[in-house]
Amino acid sequence: MSAVTREQFDAVMVPNYAPGKIIPVRGKGSRIWDQAEREYIDFAGGIAVSALGHAHPKLVAALTEQGQKLWHLSNVMTNEPAIELAQKLTELTFADKVYFCNSGAEANEAALKLARRHAYLNVGPEKHEIISTLQSFHGRTLFTVSVGGQAKYKEGFEPTPGGISHVPYNDLDAMAAAISDKTAAVIIEPIQGEGGITPAVEGYLQGLRELCDQHGALLIFDEIQSGVGRTGSLYAYQRYGVTPDILTTAKALGGGFPIGAMLTTDAVAPSLGFGTHGSTYGGNPLACSVSLAVLDVLTNDGVLDGVAAKSKRYFDGLKRINEQYKVFKDIRGMGLLIGCELIDERKGQAKDLNALALEEGLLCLVAGPDVLRLAPALNIPDADIDEGLARLEKAVARFVG
């Protein structure tokens, strides 16, 4: 067979993606290599997925061991890894019950369906409204793009599901004006990811909790991107000290193997009774075995304890770069989810800086048109942080030059 080329992607793939011009073929830790054996430092982490880097030996061992035993059963049978993982998640979080799926969008779909059904069963069909925030992102299914607060993702797919409204993020007054006894749920990202890496301000999540309690609405935290150690706690809600009724998690939960989960309480879970929702692959033994290994490494190998110091190393380095080149108007985030917002004169050019970084041997991300996003492995070595920042500085110098 002839060598695979980037041009073949455009020939055979639906054009909904525009991947970078290289094709990575292998990775180790926080470095990857392309077809030409050129090395890159990974500050992207597969969009906050590869929380332990590439080819982590404990994850490889878990996948290999389970792969020799049992791959798939579907939901007509349960399996040991799924039960063990659900048990572990309930021990580590507020949750009493867990539902497994394959992705963040599916986890949010389940959470929103649960919220509506819970309101339907306990109050009636009139209590069905869902409130989200502007600039939020909750997935690509028809329901989740409708709940997401970015109109561009809905364009051309209307009519979308109704009963959904949006208010500005970090604006408690706007939420108080929108919420009512017809509200089934409020869904929020503790740190807006795709919308620009914007953390919730002090008191915002607590205020949402109180508003939901006043109106009998469920509070859903979308922790697809902020969860599984990204902020230095296993989940961001633990840093904020505010407990939701439902939490969604995916991305880093499998360290690169597809898995998602919806976590909830004994008070809410019964509303998603037998036959109301499902997933053929959800909770499969392969995914759950890898996820168990991820949680084991995070909680027992000191990875979570090191996030704060690595975060400071990033912020200090980014500030040094910005002091010289004055290209960022804001550097924000939490833990190892970091957004660098370009100055007004450079609005819309995040993708250009990202492309220059790739040319310098560094993988980064964008979060909207104006923000360069970093979401590296939580165990990235300090030497890789320093070298990656040096490569980013070269890209910035070219960007402003």
Protein backbone atom coordinates (compact mmCIF):
# COMPACT_ATOMS: atom_id res chain seq x y z
CA MET A 1 0.00 0.00 0.00
CA SER A 2 1.29 3.48 -0.85
CA ALA A 3 2.19 5.91 1.92
CA VAL A 4 -0.70 7.73 3.59
CA THR A 5 -0.67 11.46 2.91
CA ARG A 6 -2.46 14.47 4.36
CA GLU A 7 -3.94 15.12 0.91
CA GLN A 8 -5.78 11.81 1.09
CA PHE A 9 -7.75 13.14 4.06
CA ASP A 10 -9.34 15.79 1.88
CA ALA A 11 -10.12 13.20 -0.77
CA VAL A 12 -11.88 10.63 1.44
CA MET A 13 -13.13 12.44 4.54
CA VAL A 14 -16.26 14.53 4.99
CA PRO A 15 -14.92 18.12 5.15
CA ASN A 16 -16.20 18.99 8.63
CA TYR A 17 -12.61 19.02 9.95
CA ALA A 18 -9.51 20.87 8.81
CA PRO A 19 -6.67 19.07 10.60
CA GLY A 20 -3.11 20.34 10.71
CA LYS A 21 -0.75 19.61 7.87
CA ILE A 22 1.22 16.90 9.68
CA ILE A 23 0.18 13.33 10.49
CA PRO A 24 1.43 12.18 13.91
CA VAL A 25 2.33 8.49 14.03
CA ARG A 26 3.54 7.87 17.58
CA GLY A 27 3.79 9.54 20.95
CA LYS A 28 5.60 9.12 24.24
CA GLY A 29 4.78 11.24 27.26
CA SER A 30 4.29 14.84 26.11
CA ARG A 31 6.10 14.46 22.81
CA ILE A 32 4.88 13.12 19.47
CA TRP A 33 6.53 12.35 16.14
CA ASP A 34 5.14 12.76 12.64
CA GLN A 35 5.63 10.67 9.49
CA ALA A 36 8.95 12.41 8.85
CA GLU A 37 10.11 11.64 12.41
CA ARG A 38 9.97 15.31 13.36
CA GLU A 39 9.39 15.77 17.08
CA TYR A 40 6.74 18.02 18.61
CA ILE A 41 5.95 19.01 22.19
CA ASP A 42 2.28 18.53 22.99
CA PHE A 43 0.56 21.43 24.76
CA ALA A 44 -2.82 20.40 23.28
CA GLY A 45 -3.35 17.07 25.00
CA GLY A 46 -5.83 15.93 22.37
CA ILE A 47 -8.11 18.80 23.52
CA ALA A 48 -7.70 18.09 27.23
CA VAL A 49 -8.03 14.34 26.69
CA SER A 50 -4.52 12.90 27.04
CA ALA A 51 -4.28 13.76 30.72
CA LEU A 52 -1.36 11.39 31.26
CA GLY A 53 0.34 11.97 27.94
CA HIS A 54 0.86 9.42 25.20
CA ALA A 55 1.42 5.69 25.71
CA HIS A 56 1.45 5.84 29.50
CA PRO A 57 2.65 2.38 30.57
CA LYS A 58 -0.11 1.80 33.13
CA LEU A 59 -2.82 2.69 30.61
CA VAL A 60 -1.21 0.52 27.94
CA ALA A 61 -1.03 -2.36 30.43
CA ALA A 62 -4.70 -1.98 31.42
CA LEU A 63 -5.85 -1.94 27.81
CA THR A 64 -3.66 -4.89 26.85
CA GLU A 65 -4.74 -7.00 29.79
CA GLN A 66 -8.45 -6.34 29.29
CA GLY A 67 -8.11 -6.73 25.52
CA GLN A 68 -7.07 -10.33 26.04
CA LYS A 69 -10.14 -11.05 28.16
CA LEU A 70 -13.36 -9.31 27.14
CA TRP A 71 -14.05 -6.42 24.76
CA HIS A 72 -17.79 -5.97 24.51
CA LEU A 73 -21.10 -7.22 25.85
CA SER A 74 -23.52 -4.30 25.28
CA ASN A 75 -25.98 -3.31 28.00
CA VAL A 76 -27.73 -6.68 28.04
CA MET A 77 -24.95 -7.73 30.42
CA THR A 78 -22.83 -5.79 32.86
CA ASN A 79 -19.11 -6.33 33.43
CA GLU A 80 -16.63 -6.10 36.26
CA PRO A 81 -14.63 -3.04 35.07
CA ALA A 82 -17.83 -1.00 34.62
CA ILE A 83 -19.01 -1.77 38.14
CA GLU A 84 -15.57 -1.08 39.58
CA LEU A 85 -15.33 2.25 37.73
CA ALA A 86 -18.79 3.35 38.82
CA GLN A 87 -17.91 2.45 42.40
CA LYS A 88 -14.67 4.44 42.18
CA LEU A 89 -16.42 7.51 40.74
CA THR A 90 -19.04 7.50 43.48
CA GLU A 91 -16.30 7.22 46.11
CA LEU A 92 -14.38 10.16 44.66
CA THR A 93 -17.33 12.52 44.03
CA PHE A 94 -20.74 13.62 45.33
CA ALA A 95 -22.49 11.07 43.12
CA ASP A 96 -24.45 7.99 44.08
CA LYS A 97 -25.16 6.70 40.58
CA VAL A 98 -23.31 6.62 37.25
CA TYR A 99 -24.36 6.24 33.61
CA PHE A 100 -21.66 5.39 31.03
CA CYS A 101 -21.50 6.43 27.40
CA ASN A 102 -18.81 7.20 24.84
CA SER A 103 -18.33 10.97 24.69
CA GLY A 104 -19.00 14.32 26.29
CA ALA A 105 -21.90 15.12 23.97
CA GLU A 106 -23.54 11.83 24.91
CA ALA A 107 -23.01 12.51 28.60
CA ASN A 108 -24.66 15.91 28.24
CA GLU A 109 -27.48 14.45 26.17
CA ALA A 110 -28.15 11.99 28.98
CA ALA A 111 -27.98 14.73 31.61
CA LEU A 112 -30.45 16.95 29.77
CA LYS A 113 -32.84 14.08 29.12
CA LEU A 114 -32.64 13.08 32.77
CA ALA A 115 -33.35 16.66 33.88
CA ARG A 116 -36.43 16.96 31.70
CA ARG A 117 -37.76 13.55 32.64
CA HIS A 118 -37.18 14.22 36.33
CA ALA A 119 -39.18 17.44 36.09
CA TYR A 120 -41.89 15.71 34.05
CA LEU A 121 -42.32 12.91 36.57
CA ASN A 122 -42.18 15.10 39.67
CA VAL A 123 -44.04 18.21 38.50
CA GLY A 124 -45.44 17.85 35.01
CA PRO A 125 -44.79 18.68 31.34
CA GLU A 126 -44.90 22.43 31.95
CA LYS A 127 -41.60 22.23 33.88
CA HIS A 128 -39.34 21.58 30.91
CA GLU A 129 -37.27 24.70 30.31
CA ILE A 130 -33.47 24.58 30.24
CA ILE A 131 -31.24 27.61 30.82
CA SER A 132 -27.70 27.74 29.52
CA THR A 133 -25.17 30.53 29.01
CA LEU A 134 -23.91 32.46 26.02
CA GLN A 135 -20.58 31.24 24.61
CA SER A 136 -21.05 27.84 26.23
CA PHE A 137 -20.35 24.57 24.44
CA HIS A 138 -22.01 21.29 25.36
CA GLY A 139 -21.59 19.03 22.32
CA ARG A 140 -22.59 18.49 18.70
CA THR A 141 -25.82 16.52 18.88
CA LEU A 142 -28.94 18.44 17.91
CA PHE A 143 -30.00 18.78 21.55
CA THR A 144 -26.58 19.78 22.83
CA VAL A 145 -25.86 22.35 20.09
CA SER A 146 -29.24 23.84 20.94
CA VAL A 147 -28.27 24.10 24.59
CA GLY A 148 -24.82 25.43 23.71
CA GLY A 149 -24.63 29.19 23.59
CA GLN A 150 -22.93 29.68 20.22
CA ALA A 151 -25.29 30.25 17.31
CA LYS A 152 -22.74 29.24 14.68
CA TYR A 153 -23.04 25.59 15.69
CA LYS A 154 -26.81 25.61 15.08
CA GLU A 155 -26.76 27.36 11.73
CA GLY A 156 -28.31 25.21 9.03
CA PHE A 157 -29.66 22.61 11.46
CA GLU A 158 -32.85 24.37 12.52
CA PRO A 159 -35.47 23.85 13.71
CA THR A 160 -33.73 22.89 16.92
CA PRO A 161 -35.40 21.70 20.14
CA GLY A 162 -37.36 24.37 22.00
CA GLY A 163 -37.68 25.36 25.63
CA ILE A 164 -34.04 26.47 25.79
CA SER A 165 -32.76 29.95 26.68
CA HIS A 166 -29.36 31.56 27.18
CA VAL A 167 -28.06 34.27 29.49
CA PRO A 168 -24.60 35.85 29.82
CA TYR A 169 -21.99 33.81 31.70
CA ASN A 170 -20.96 35.00 35.17
CA ASP A 171 -24.11 37.17 35.39
CA LEU A 172 -26.23 36.10 38.36
CA ASP A 173 -28.76 38.87 37.86
CA ALA A 174 -29.46 37.66 34.32
CA MET A 175 -29.94 34.11 35.56
CA ALA A 176 -32.23 35.26 38.36
CA ALA A 177 -34.38 37.09 35.80
CA ALA A 178 -34.57 34.05 33.51
CA ILE A 179 -35.16 31.21 35.96
CA SER A 180 -38.68 30.27 37.05
CA ASP A 181 -40.71 27.39 38.39
CA LYS A 182 -40.91 26.13 34.79
CA THR A 183 -37.14 25.65 34.72
CA ALA A 184 -36.14 22.00 34.73
CA ALA A 185 -32.38 22.60 34.80
CA VAL A 186 -29.54 25.06 34.55
CA ILE A 187 -26.45 23.74 32.77
CA ILE A 188 -23.11 25.44 33.25
CA GLU A 189 -19.42 24.90 32.62
CA PRO A 190 -17.48 25.81 35.79
CA ILE A 191 -14.83 26.98 33.32
CA GLN A 192 -16.08 27.82 29.84
CA GLY A 193 -13.82 25.91 27.48
CA GLU A 194 -14.58 26.42 23.79
CA GLY A 195 -15.98 29.84 24.65
CA GLY A 196 -12.54 31.17 25.59
CA ILE A 197 -11.30 29.53 28.84
CA THR A 198 -13.33 31.68 31.23
CA PRO A 199 -13.58 30.50 34.85
CA ALA A 200 -16.66 31.16 36.97
CA VAL A 201 -16.13 34.20 39.19
CA GLU A 202 -16.31 34.03 42.97
CA GLY A 203 -19.85 33.40 44.18
CA TYR A 204 -21.34 32.67 40.75
CA LEU A 205 -21.74 28.91 41.08
CA GLN A 206 -22.99 29.24 44.67
CA GLY A 207 -25.56 31.75 43.45
CA LEU A 208 -26.70 29.35 40.75
CA ARG A 209 -27.04 26.60 43.35
CA GLU A 210 -29.28 28.82 45.46
CA LEU A 211 -31.43 29.90 42.49
CA CYS A 212 -31.93 26.30 41.41
CA ASP A 213 -32.92 25.28 44.93
CA GLN A 214 -35.43 28.14 45.12
CA HIS A 215 -37.12 27.05 41.89
CA GLY A 216 -36.81 23.29 42.18
CA ALA A 217 -34.48 23.12 39.17
CA LEU A 218 -31.54 20.75 38.77
CA LEU A 219 -28.03 22.17 38.52
CA ILE A 220 -25.91 20.44 35.88
CA PHE A 221 -22.14 20.96 35.77
CA ASP A 222 -20.58 20.19 32.41
CA GLU A 223 -17.07 19.12 33.42
CA ILE A 224 -16.18 17.48 30.13
CA GLN A 225 -13.13 19.72 29.77
CA SER A 226 -12.52 20.91 33.34
CA GLY A 227 -12.78 17.50 34.98
CA VAL A 228 -10.46 14.57 35.73
CA GLY A 229 -7.71 16.59 37.36
CA ARG A 230 -7.47 19.45 34.87
CA THR A 231 -7.81 22.14 37.59
CA GLY A 232 -5.78 20.35 40.25
CA SER A 233 -8.83 18.81 41.89
CA LEU A 234 -10.44 15.73 40.39
CA TYR A 235 -13.38 17.94 39.38
CA ALA A 236 -13.61 21.73 39.35
CA TYR A 237 -16.75 21.77 41.52
CA GLN A 238 -14.58 20.52 44.37
CA ARG A 239 -12.38 23.60 44.06
CA TYR A 240 -15.41 25.89 44.05
CA GLY A 241 -17.13 24.09 46.92
CA VAL A 242 -20.48 23.91 45.10
CA THR A 243 -22.16 20.56 44.49
CA PRO A 244 -24.36 19.96 41.41
CA ASP A 245 -27.23 17.52 41.02
CA ILE A 246 -25.74 16.12 37.83
CA LEU A 247 -22.15 16.19 36.53
CA THR A 248 -20.95 15.18 33.09
CA THR A 249 -17.43 13.94 32.43
CA ALA A 250 -15.54 12.56 29.43
CA LYS A 251 -12.36 13.65 27.57
CA ALA A 252 -9.60 12.86 30.09
CA LEU A 253 -11.70 10.18 31.81
CA GLY A 254 -10.24 7.58 29.43
CA GLY A 255 -6.87 9.23 28.91
CA GLY A 256 -7.44 8.93 25.16
CA PHE A 257 -9.76 5.93 25.05
CA PRO A 258 -13.35 7.04 24.30
CA ILE A 259 -15.57 7.09 27.39
CA GLY A 260 -18.06 9.47 28.94
CA ALA A 261 -20.14 9.40 32.09
CA MET A 262 -23.04 11.16 33.76
CA LEU A 263 -22.91 11.29 37.54
CA THR A 264 -25.94 12.01 39.71
CA THR A 265 -27.61 11.40 43.05
CA ASP A 266 -30.04 8.86 44.45
CA ALA A 267 -32.67 11.60 44.51
CA VAL A 268 -32.48 12.16 40.74
CA ALA A 269 -31.28 8.91 39.19
CA PRO A 270 -34.58 6.95 39.43
CA SER A 271 -36.16 9.26 36.85
CA LEU A 272 -34.03 7.62 34.16
CA GLY A 273 -35.70 4.26 34.67
CA PHE A 274 -35.44 1.05 32.70
CA GLY A 275 -35.82 1.59 28.96
CA THR A 276 -35.65 5.41 29.03
CA HIS A 277 -32.09 5.80 27.71
CA GLY A 278 -29.17 3.68 26.60
CA SER A 279 -25.86 3.24 24.81
CA THR A 280 -24.65 0.14 22.98
CA TYR A 281 -20.98 0.75 23.74
CA GLY A 282 -21.40 2.66 26.98
CA GLY A 283 -19.55 1.06 29.88
CA ASN A 284 -17.65 -1.41 27.73
CA PRO A 285 -14.90 -3.34 29.54
CA LEU A 286 -12.02 -1.88 27.50
CA ALA A 287 -12.93 1.75 28.19
CA CYS A 288 -13.69 1.16 31.84
CA SER A 289 -10.44 -0.71 32.44
CA VAL A 290 -8.40 2.14 30.98
CA SER A 291 -10.41 4.71 32.93
CA LEU A 292 -9.76 2.85 36.17
CA ALA A 293 -6.04 3.06 35.41
CA VAL A 294 -6.34 6.80 34.72
CA LEU A 295 -8.01 7.43 38.08
CA ASP A 296 -5.48 5.23 39.84
CA VAL A 297 -2.53 7.18 38.44
CA LEU A 298 -4.15 10.55 39.12
CA THR A 299 -5.07 9.82 42.71
CA ASN A 300 -2.27 7.49 43.80
CA ASP A 301 0.82 8.56 41.85
CA GLY A 302 0.88 12.20 42.95
CA VAL A 303 -0.20 13.66 39.61
CA LEU A 304 -2.98 15.82 41.06
CA ASP A 305 -0.61 17.20 43.67
CA GLY A 306 1.73 18.45 40.96
CA VAL A 307 -0.80 20.39 38.86
CA ALA A 308 -0.57 23.64 40.83
CA ALA A 309 3.21 23.93 40.46
CA LYS A 310 3.07 23.12 36.75
CA SER A 311 0.28 25.64 36.30
CA LYS A 312 2.41 28.34 37.93
CA ARG A 313 5.30 27.43 35.67
CA TYR A 314 3.07 27.96 32.64
CA PHE A 315 1.58 31.24 33.84
CA ASP A 316 4.98 32.63 34.82
CA GLY A 317 6.45 31.68 31.45
CA LEU A 318 3.53 33.08 29.49
CA LYS A 319 3.70 36.35 31.40
CA ARG A 320 7.42 36.62 30.61
CA ILE A 321 6.70 36.12 26.92
CA ASN A 322 3.94 38.70 27.05
CA GLU A 323 6.09 41.27 28.86
CA GLN A 324 8.40 41.25 25.87
CA TYR A 325 5.93 40.93 22.99
CA LYS A 326 2.71 42.37 24.47
CA VAL A 327 0.53 40.12 22.33
CA PHE A 328 -1.97 38.91 24.95
CA LYS A 329 -4.57 41.12 26.63
CA ASP A 330 -5.36 38.38 29.16
CA ILE A 331 -3.84 35.10 30.33
CA ARG A 332 -6.40 33.17 32.32
CA GLY A 333 -7.64 29.77 33.33
CA MET A 334 -7.24 27.30 36.15
CA GLY A 335 -4.73 24.54 36.66
CA LEU A 336 -3.61 23.24 33.28
CA LEU A 337 -6.49 24.68 31.27
CA ILE A 338 -5.08 27.98 30.09
CA GLY A 339 -6.33 30.61 27.65
CA CYS A 340 -4.22 33.42 26.17
CA GLU A 341 -6.51 36.08 24.68
CA LEU A 342 -4.96 38.14 21.91
CA ILE A 343 -4.91 41.92 22.03
CA ASP A 344 -7.68 43.71 20.17
CA GLU A 345 -5.41 44.54 17.25
CA ARG A 346 -4.92 40.78 16.72
CA LYS A 347 -8.56 39.72 17.03
CA GLY A 348 -9.44 36.69 14.94
CA GLN A 349 -5.79 35.63 14.54
CA ALA A 350 -5.50 32.83 17.14
CA LYS A 351 -5.45 30.23 14.37
CA ASP A 352 -2.50 32.02 12.74
CA LEU A 353 -0.47 31.93 15.95
CA ASN A 354 -1.44 28.30 16.41
CA ALA A 355 -0.16 27.47 12.92
CA LEU A 356 3.16 29.21 13.62
CA ALA A 357 3.51 27.23 16.85
CA LEU A 358 3.11 24.01 14.89
CA GLU A 359 5.87 25.11 12.52
CA GLU A 360 8.08 25.62 15.58
CA GLY A 361 7.38 22.09 16.80
CA LEU A 362 4.62 22.80 19.30
CA LEU A 363 1.03 21.58 19.40
CA CYS A 364 -1.43 24.11 20.82
CA LEU A 365 -5.16 24.79 20.42
CA VAL A 366 -7.52 27.69 19.96
CA ALA A 367 -10.69 28.47 21.93
CA GLY A 368 -12.61 30.63 19.54
CA PRO A 369 -11.01 33.10 17.11
CA ASP A 370 -9.17 35.19 19.71
CA VAL A 371 -7.76 32.75 22.28
CA LEU A 372 -4.76 30.42 22.16
CA ARG A 373 -5.56 27.45 24.40
CA LEU A 374 -3.18 25.15 26.27
CA ALA A 375 -4.37 21.86 27.78
CA PRO A 376 -1.25 19.71 28.24
CA ALA A 377 -0.84 16.41 30.03
CA LEU A 378 -1.15 16.82 33.79
CA ASN A 379 2.16 14.99 34.25
CA ILE A 380 4.09 16.93 31.61
CA PRO A 381 7.75 17.17 32.68
CA ASP A 382 8.99 20.63 33.65
CA ALA A 383 11.67 20.36 30.96
CA ASP A 384 8.96 19.91 28.32
CA ILE A 385 7.06 22.92 29.67
CA ASP A 386 10.18 25.07 29.39
CA GLU A 387 11.11 23.83 25.93
CA GLY A 388 7.52 24.19 24.72
CA LEU A 389 7.34 27.77 26.00
CA ALA A 390 10.63 28.51 24.23
CA ARG A 391 9.11 27.23 21.00
CA LEU A 392 5.97 29.27 21.63
CA GLU A 393 8.11 32.37 22.14
CA LYS A 394 9.68 31.80 18.72
CA ALA A 395 6.20 31.54 17.21
CA VAL A 396 5.09 34.72 18.98
CA ALA A 397 8.16 36.58 17.75
CA ARG A 398 7.29 35.60 14.18
CA PHE A 399 3.62 36.42 14.78
CA VAL A 400 4.28 40.01 15.87
CA GLY A 401 7.28 40.54 13.58
